[in-house]
């Protein structure tokens, strides 16, 4: 049952946005459209926001 709950959490809007942004910026970095340092900056902000908001949600329960 815990696995079902984790899968359901992946379908939240912020998770979908995070995964989509990661895929888009990864593709842009692989194509050479953006540099590795730009990708790292963007990815760090997105992941930091995702885990930061997730941590706040867990603390608020």
PDB file of N, CA and C in Angstrom:
ATOM      1  N   UNK A   1       0.819  -1.203   0.000  1.00  0.00           N
ATOM      2  CA  UNK A   1       0.000   0.000   0.000  1.00  0.00           C
ATOM      3  C   UNK A   1       0.855   1.255   0.000  1.00  0.00           C
ATOM      4  N   UNK A   2       1.984   1.204   0.643  1.00  0.00           N
ATOM      5  CA  UNK A   2       2.860   2.355   0.667  1.00  0.00           C
ATOM      6  C   UNK A   2       3.326   2.705  -0.740  1.00  0.00           C
ATOM      7  N   UNK A   3       3.523   1.702  -1.570  1.00  0.00           N
ATOM      8  CA  UNK A   3       3.949   1.927  -2.947  1.00  0.00           C
ATOM      9  C   UNK A   3       2.874   2.672  -3.737  1.00  0.00           C
ATOM     10  N   UNK A   4       1.609   2.331  -3.511  1.00  0.00           N
ATOM     11  CA  UNK A   4       0.509   3.022  -4.192  1.00  0.00           C
ATOM     12  C   UNK A   4       0.460   4.493  -3.780  1.00  0.00           C
ATOM     13  N   UNK A   5       0.691   4.743  -2.500  1.00  0.00           N
ATOM     14  CA  UNK A   5       0.665   6.128  -2.011  1.00  0.00           C
ATOM     15  C   UNK A   5       1.812   6.929  -2.620  1.00  0.00           C
ATOM     16  N   UNK A   6       2.985   6.323  -2.715  1.00  0.00           N
ATOM     17  CA  UNK A   6       4.129   7.007  -3.319  1.00  0.00           C
ATOM     18  C   UNK A   6       3.863   7.298  -4.795  1.00  0.00           C
ATOM     19  N   UNK A   7       3.279   6.352  -5.500  1.00  0.00           N
ATOM     20  CA  UNK A   7       2.960   6.556  -6.908  1.00  0.00           C
ATOM     21  C   UNK A   7       1.930   7.670  -7.071  1.00  0.00           C
ATOM     22  N   UNK A   8       0.946   7.709  -6.201  1.00  0.00           N
ATOM     23  CA  UNK A   8      -0.069   8.766  -6.251  1.00  0.00           C
ATOM     24  C   UNK A   8       0.570  10.135  -5.998  1.00  0.00           C
ATOM     25  N   UNK A   9       1.561  10.185  -5.107  1.00  0.00           N
ATOM     26  CA  UNK A   9       2.250  11.447  -4.830  1.00  0.00           C
ATOM     27  C   UNK A   9       3.032  11.930  -6.034  1.00  0.00           C
ATOM     28  N   UNK A  10       3.482  11.018  -6.884  1.00  0.00           N
ATOM     29  CA  UNK A  10       4.206  11.410  -8.084  1.00  0.00           C
ATOM     30  C   UNK A  10       3.313  12.118  -9.092  1.00  0.00           C
ATOM     31  N   UNK A  11       2.025  11.928  -8.962  1.00  0.00           N
ATOM     32  CA  UNK A  11       1.085  12.519  -9.906  1.00  0.00           C
ATOM     33  C   UNK A  11       0.587  13.897  -9.484  1.00  0.00           C
ATOM     34  N   UNK A  12       1.187  14.456  -8.453  1.00  0.00           N
ATOM     35  CA  UNK A  12       0.807  15.810  -8.060  1.00  0.00           C
ATOM     36  C   UNK A  12       1.356  16.802  -9.081  1.00  0.00           C
ATOM     37  N   UNK A  13       0.796  17.960  -9.116  1.00  0.00           N
ATOM     38  CA  UNK A  13       1.176  18.971 -10.104  1.00  0.00           C
ATOM     39  C   UNK A  13       2.651  19.345  -9.975  1.00  0.00           C
ATOM     40  N   UNK A  14       3.111  19.572  -8.759  1.00  0.00           N
ATOM     41  CA  UNK A  14       4.506  19.994  -8.607  1.00  0.00           C
ATOM     42  C   UNK A  14       5.473  18.894  -9.033  1.00  0.00           C
ATOM     43  N   UNK A  15       5.094  17.646  -8.837  1.00  0.00           N
ATOM     44  CA  UNK A  15       5.945  16.542  -9.277  1.00  0.00           C
ATOM     45  C   UNK A  15       5.991  16.449 -10.796  1.00  0.00           C
ATOM     46  N   UNK A  16       4.847  16.620 -11.421  1.00  0.00           N
ATOM     47  CA  UNK A  16       4.789  16.583 -12.889  1.00  0.00           C
ATOM     48  C   UNK A  16       5.611  17.731 -13.473  1.00  0.00           C
ATOM     49  N   UNK A  17       5.483  18.917 -12.885  1.00  0.00           N
ATOM     50  CA  UNK A  17       6.253  20.070 -13.353  1.00  0.00           C
ATOM     51  C   UNK A  17       7.746  19.823 -13.164  1.00  0.00           C
ATOM     52  N   UNK A  18       8.127  19.279 -12.028  1.00  0.00           N
ATOM     53  CA  UNK A  18       9.539  19.011 -11.753  1.00  0.00           C
ATOM     54  C   UNK A  18      10.116  18.012 -12.744  1.00  0.00           C
ATOM     55  N   UNK A  19       9.407  16.928 -12.981  1.00  0.00           N
ATOM     56  CA  UNK A  19       9.889  15.909 -13.917  1.00  0.00           C
ATOM     57  C   UNK A  19       9.951  16.475 -15.339  1.00  0.00           C
ATOM     58  N   UNK A  20       8.943  17.240 -15.728  1.00  0.00           N
ATOM     59  CA  UNK A  20       8.920  17.830 -17.065  1.00  0.00           C
ATOM     60  C   UNK A  20      10.072  18.819 -17.256  1.00  0.00           C
ATOM     61  N   UNK A  21      10.267  19.694 -16.285  1.00  0.00           N
ATOM     62  CA  UNK A  21      11.367  20.660 -16.383  1.00  0.00           C
ATOM     63  C   UNK A  21      12.714  19.949 -16.429  1.00  0.00           C
ATOM     64  N   UNK A  22      12.872  18.908 -15.646  1.00  0.00           N
ATOM     65  CA  UNK A  22      14.116  18.141 -15.662  1.00  0.00           C
ATOM     66  C   UNK A  22      14.353  17.540 -17.041  1.00  0.00           C
ATOM     67  N   UNK A  23      13.322  16.966 -17.631  1.00  0.00           N
ATOM     68  CA  UNK A  23      13.455  16.365 -18.963  1.00  0.00           C
ATOM     69  C   UNK A  23      13.773  17.413 -20.021  1.00  0.00           C
ATOM     70  N   UNK A  24      13.086  18.548 -19.977  1.00  0.00           N
ATOM     71  CA  UNK A  24      13.300  19.606 -20.971  1.00  0.00           C
ATOM     72  C   UNK A  24      14.712  20.159 -20.871  1.00  0.00           C
ATOM     73  N   UNK A  25      15.129  20.514 -19.676  1.00  0.00           N
ATOM     74  CA  UNK A  25      16.459  21.091 -19.528  1.00  0.00           C
ATOM     75  C   UNK A  25      17.560  20.065 -19.776  1.00  0.00           C
ATOM     76  N   UNK A  26      17.299  18.802 -19.491  1.00  0.00           N
ATOM     77  CA  UNK A  26      18.272  17.755 -19.837  1.00  0.00           C
ATOM     78  C   UNK A  26      18.425  17.656 -21.346  1.00  0.00           C
ATOM     79  N   UNK A  27      17.318  17.680 -22.057  1.00  0.00           N
ATOM     80  CA  UNK A  27      17.365  17.616 -23.522  1.00  0.00           C
ATOM     81  C   UNK A  27      18.088  18.829 -24.096  1.00  0.00           C
ATOM     82  N   UNK A  28      17.812  20.016 -23.545  1.00  0.00           N
ATOM     83  CA  UNK A  28      18.481  21.232 -24.019  1.00  0.00           C
ATOM     84  C   UNK A  28      19.989  21.164 -23.763  1.00  0.00           C
ATOM     85  N   UNK A  29      20.371  20.630 -22.621  1.00  0.00           N
ATOM     86  CA  UNK A  29      21.795  20.515 -22.304  1.00  0.00           C
ATOM     87  C   UNK A  29      22.473  19.505 -23.229  1.00  0.00           C
ATOM     88  N   UNK A  30      21.806  18.398 -23.514  1.00  0.00           N
ATOM     89  CA  UNK A  30      22.384  17.386 -24.396  1.00  0.00           C
ATOM     90  C   UNK A  30      22.512  17.897 -25.830  1.00  0.00           C
ATOM     91  N   UNK A  31      21.581  18.730 -26.258  1.00  0.00           N
ATOM     92  CA  UNK A  31      21.643  19.305 -27.605  1.00  0.00           C
ATOM     93  C   UNK A  31      22.652  20.439 -27.697  1.00  0.00           C
ATOM     94  N   UNK A  32      23.090  20.939 -26.557  1.00  0.00           N
ATOM     95  CA  UNK A  32      24.047  22.038 -26.551  1.00  0.00           C
ATOM     96  C   UNK A  32      23.398  23.405 -26.590  1.00  0.00           C
ATOM     97  N   UNK A  33      22.085  23.454 -26.448  1.00  0.00           N
ATOM     98  CA  UNK A  33      21.364  24.729 -26.459  1.00  0.00           C
ATOM     99  C   UNK A  33      21.703  25.562 -25.222  1.00  0.00           C
ATOM    100  N   UNK A  34      21.845  24.902 -24.094  1.00  0.00           N
ATOM    101  CA  UNK A  34      22.276  25.577 -22.871  1.00  0.00           C
ATOM    102  C   UNK A  34      23.545  24.886 -22.380  1.00  0.00           C
ATOM    103  N   UNK A  35      24.345  25.616 -21.635  1.00  0.00           N
ATOM    104  CA  UNK A  35      25.608  25.057 -21.144  1.00  0.00           C
ATOM    105  C   UNK A  35      25.349  24.189 -19.911  1.00  0.00           C
ATOM    106  N   UNK A  36      26.331  23.429 -19.564  1.00  0.00           N
ATOM    107  CA  UNK A  36      26.235  22.576 -18.383  1.00  0.00           C
ATOM    108  C   UNK A  36      26.043  23.374 -17.112  1.00  0.00           C
ATOM    109  N   UNK A  37      26.709  24.520 -17.013  1.00  0.00           N
ATOM    110  CA  UNK A  37      26.571  25.336 -15.800  1.00  0.00           C
ATOM    111  C   UNK A  37      25.174  25.952 -15.702  1.00  0.00           C
ATOM    112  N   UNK A  38      24.604  26.345 -16.842  1.00  0.00           N
ATOM    113  CA  UNK A  38      23.225  26.858 -16.831  1.00  0.00           C
ATOM    114  C   UNK A  38      22.256  25.758 -16.419  1.00  0.00           C
ATOM    115  N   UNK A  39      22.473  24.549 -16.958  1.00  0.00           N
ATOM    116  CA  UNK A  39      21.622  23.425 -16.593  1.00  0.00           C
ATOM    117  C   UNK A  39      21.709  23.155 -15.098  1.00  0.00           C
ATOM    118  N   UNK A  40      22.923  23.150 -14.567  1.00  0.00           N
ATOM    119  CA  UNK A  40      23.108  22.866 -13.145  1.00  0.00           C
ATOM    120  C   UNK A  40      22.400  23.904 -12.281  1.00  0.00           C
ATOM    121  N   UNK A  41      22.477  25.165 -12.664  1.00  0.00           N
ATOM    122  CA  UNK A  41      21.802  26.220 -11.914  1.00  0.00           C
ATOM    123  C   UNK A  41      20.292  26.031 -11.926  1.00  0.00           C
ATOM    124  N   UNK A  42      19.746  25.809 -13.098  1.00  0.00           N
ATOM    125  CA  UNK A  42      18.291  25.631 -13.238  1.00  0.00           C
ATOM    126  C   UNK A  42      17.832  24.386 -12.495  1.00  0.00           C
ATOM    127  N   UNK A  43      18.553  23.287 -12.683  1.00  0.00           N
ATOM    128  CA  UNK A  43      18.189  22.023 -12.054  1.00  0.00           C
ATOM    129  C   UNK A  43      18.244  22.133 -10.532  1.00  0.00           C
ATOM    130  N   UNK A  44      19.246  22.815 -10.014  1.00  0.00           N
ATOM    131  CA  UNK A  44      19.371  22.991  -8.564  1.00  0.00           C
ATOM    132  C   UNK A  44      18.196  23.773  -8.005  1.00  0.00           C
ATOM    133  N   UNK A  45      17.785  24.817  -8.692  1.00  0.00           N
ATOM    134  CA  UNK A  45      16.648  25.617  -8.231  1.00  0.00           C
ATOM    135  C   UNK A  45      15.366  24.781  -8.257  1.00  0.00           C
ATOM    136  N   UNK A  46      15.132  24.050  -9.348  1.00  0.00           N
ATOM    137  CA  UNK A  46      13.911  23.253  -9.471  1.00  0.00           C
ATOM    138  C   UNK A  46      13.860  22.167  -8.404  1.00  0.00           C
ATOM    139  N   UNK A  47      14.939  21.429  -8.247  1.00  0.00           N
ATOM    140  CA  UNK A  47      14.966  20.349  -7.259  1.00  0.00           C
ATOM    141  C   UNK A  47      14.902  20.912  -5.844  1.00  0.00           C
ATOM    142  N   UNK A  48      15.591  22.012  -5.599  1.00  0.00           N
ATOM    143  CA  UNK A  48      15.519  22.648  -4.281  1.00  0.00           C
ATOM    144  C   UNK A  48      14.107  23.085  -3.939  1.00  0.00           C
ATOM    145  N   UNK A  49      13.417  23.659  -4.919  1.00  0.00           N
ATOM    146  CA  UNK A  49      12.028  24.066  -4.698  1.00  0.00           C
ATOM    147  C   UNK A  49      11.152  22.852  -4.421  1.00  0.00           C
ATOM    148  N   UNK A  50      11.329  21.788  -5.216  1.00  0.00           N
ATOM    149  CA  UNK A  50      10.510  20.585  -5.048  1.00  0.00           C
ATOM    150  C   UNK A  50      10.688  19.998  -3.656  1.00  0.00           C
ATOM    151  N   UNK A  51      11.932  19.754  -3.263  1.00  0.00           N
ATOM    152  CA  UNK A  51      12.170  19.140  -1.959  1.00  0.00           C
ATOM    153  C   UNK A  51      11.882  20.102  -0.817  1.00  0.00           C
ATOM    154  N   UNK A  52      12.069  21.394  -1.042  1.00  0.00           N
ATOM    155  CA  UNK A  52      11.738  22.374  -0.010  1.00  0.00           C
ATOM    156  C   UNK A  52      10.257  22.428   0.284  1.00  0.00           C
ATOM    157  N   UNK A  53       9.444  22.434  -0.768  1.00  0.00           N
ATOM    158  CA  UNK A  53       7.993  22.450  -0.556  1.00  0.00           C
ATOM    159  C   UNK A  53       7.510  21.116  -0.014  1.00  0.00           C
ATOM    160  N   UNK A  54       8.162  20.032  -0.393  1.00  0.00           N
ATOM    161  CA  UNK A  54       7.791  18.716   0.125  1.00  0.00           C
ATOM    162  C   UNK A  54       8.096  18.645   1.623  1.00  0.00           C
ATOM    163  N   UNK A  55       9.212  19.195   2.024  1.00  0.00           N
ATOM    164  CA  UNK A  55       9.613  19.186   3.440  1.00  0.00           C
ATOM    165  C   UNK A  55       8.635  20.034   4.269  1.00  0.00           C
ATOM    166  N   UNK A  56       8.235  21.190   3.748  1.00  0.00           N
ATOM    167  CA  UNK A  56       7.284  22.044   4.450  1.00  0.00           C
ATOM    168  C   UNK A  56       5.960  21.318   4.614  1.00  0.00           C
ATOM    169  N   UNK A  57       5.512  20.584   3.595  1.00  0.00           N
ATOM    170  CA  UNK A  57       4.264  19.844   3.675  1.00  0.00           C
ATOM    171  C   UNK A  57       4.337  18.767   4.746  1.00  0.00           C
ATOM    172  N   UNK A  58       5.464  18.074   4.831  1.00  0.00           N
ATOM    173  CA  UNK A  58       5.609  17.027   5.828  1.00  0.00           C
ATOM    174  C   UNK A  58       5.660  17.593   7.231  1.00  0.00           C
ATOM    175  N   UNK A  59       6.289  18.749   7.407  1.00  0.00           N
ATOM    176  CA  UNK A  59       6.364  19.381   8.713  1.00  0.00           C
ATOM    177  C   UNK A  59       4.998  19.902   9.170  1.00  0.00           C
ATOM    178  N   UNK A  60       4.158  20.287   8.225  1.00  0.00           N
ATOM    179  CA  UNK A  60       2.857  20.838   8.549  1.00  0.00           C
ATOM    180  C   UNK A  60       1.813  19.802   8.916  1.00  0.00           C
ATOM    181  N   UNK A  61       2.101  18.534   8.692  1.00  0.00           N
ATOM    182  CA  UNK A  61       1.123  17.480   8.982  1.00  0.00           C
ATOM    183  C   UNK A  61       0.991  17.206  10.458  1.00  0.00           C
TER     184      UNK A  61
END
